[in-house]
Amino acid sequence: MHGFLHGQKLDMWGFVGVGFIISGVAVLNLLSKASVH
């Protein structure tokens, strides 16, 4: 059970990391579009 909970915790942080990456890419895209205009 402990291993299962530990795996879930890692998955949560994995989703958080992916979310940060997607947010960063979205922000960079918005900034690049804004600079073009």
C-alpha atoms as a PDB file:
ATOM      1  CA  MET A   1       0.000   0.000   0.000  1.00  0.00           C
ATOM      2  CA  HIS A   2       2.876   2.337   0.827  1.00  0.00           C
ATOM      3  CA  GLY A   3       4.360   1.793  -2.636  1.00  0.00           C
ATOM      4  CA  PHE A   4       0.992   2.562  -4.236  1.00  0.00           C
ATOM      5  CA  LEU A   5       0.663   5.831  -2.298  1.00  0.00           C
ATOM      6  CA  HIS A   6       4.256   6.750  -3.167  1.00  0.00           C
ATOM      7  CA  GLY A   7       3.510   6.094  -6.849  1.00  0.00           C
ATOM      8  CA  GLN A   8       0.433   8.305  -6.682  1.00  0.00           C
ATOM      9  CA  LYS A   9       2.507  11.093  -5.113  1.00  0.00           C
ATOM     10  CA  LEU A  10       5.050  10.862  -7.944  1.00  0.00           C
ATOM     11  CA  ASP A  11       2.233  10.942 -10.519  1.00  0.00           C
ATOM     12  CA  MET A  12       0.837  14.090  -8.889  1.00  0.00           C
ATOM     13  CA  TRP A  13       4.211  15.844  -9.111  1.00  0.00           C
ATOM     14  CA  GLY A  14       4.526  14.580 -12.689  1.00  0.00           C
ATOM     15  CA  PHE A  15       1.238  16.251 -13.603  1.00  0.00           C
ATOM     16  CA  VAL A  16       2.360  19.435 -11.819  1.00  0.00           C
ATOM     17  CA  GLY A  17       5.601  19.435 -13.815  1.00  0.00           C
ATOM     18  CA  VAL A  18       3.776  18.904 -17.102  1.00  0.00           C
ATOM     19  CA  GLY A  19       1.366  21.705 -16.178  1.00  0.00           C
ATOM     20  CA  PHE A  20       4.271  24.095 -15.547  1.00  0.00           C
ATOM     21  CA  ILE A  21       5.874  23.147 -18.874  1.00  0.00           C
ATOM     22  CA  ILE A  22       2.615  23.682 -20.798  1.00  0.00           C
ATOM     23  CA  SER A  23       2.056  27.012 -19.003  1.00  0.00           C
ATOM     24  CA  GLY A  24       5.597  28.131 -19.856  1.00  0.00           C
ATOM     25  CA  VAL A  25       5.172  27.228 -23.526  1.00  0.00           C
ATOM     26  CA  ALA A  26       1.801  29.024 -23.664  1.00  0.00           C
ATOM     27  CA  VAL A  27       3.288  32.164 -22.054  1.00  0.00           C
ATOM     28  CA  LEU A  28       6.251  32.142 -24.460  1.00  0.00           C
ATOM     29  CA  ASN A  29       3.869  31.786 -27.415  1.00  0.00           C
ATOM     30  CA  LEU A  30       1.733  34.697 -26.170  1.00  0.00           C
ATOM     31  CA  LEU A  31       4.824  36.871 -25.611  1.00  0.00           C
ATOM     32  CA  SER A  32       6.229  36.044 -29.052  1.00  0.00           C
ATOM     33  CA  LYS A  33       2.884  36.897 -30.693  1.00  0.00           C
ATOM     34  CA  ALA A  34       2.682  40.138 -28.693  1.00  0.00           C
ATOM     35  CA  SER A  35       6.240  41.119 -29.693  1.00  0.00           C
ATOM     36  CA  VAL A  36       5.430  40.419 -33.371  1.00  0.00           C
ATOM     37  CA  HIS A  37       2.452  42.772 -33.180  1.00  0.00           C
END
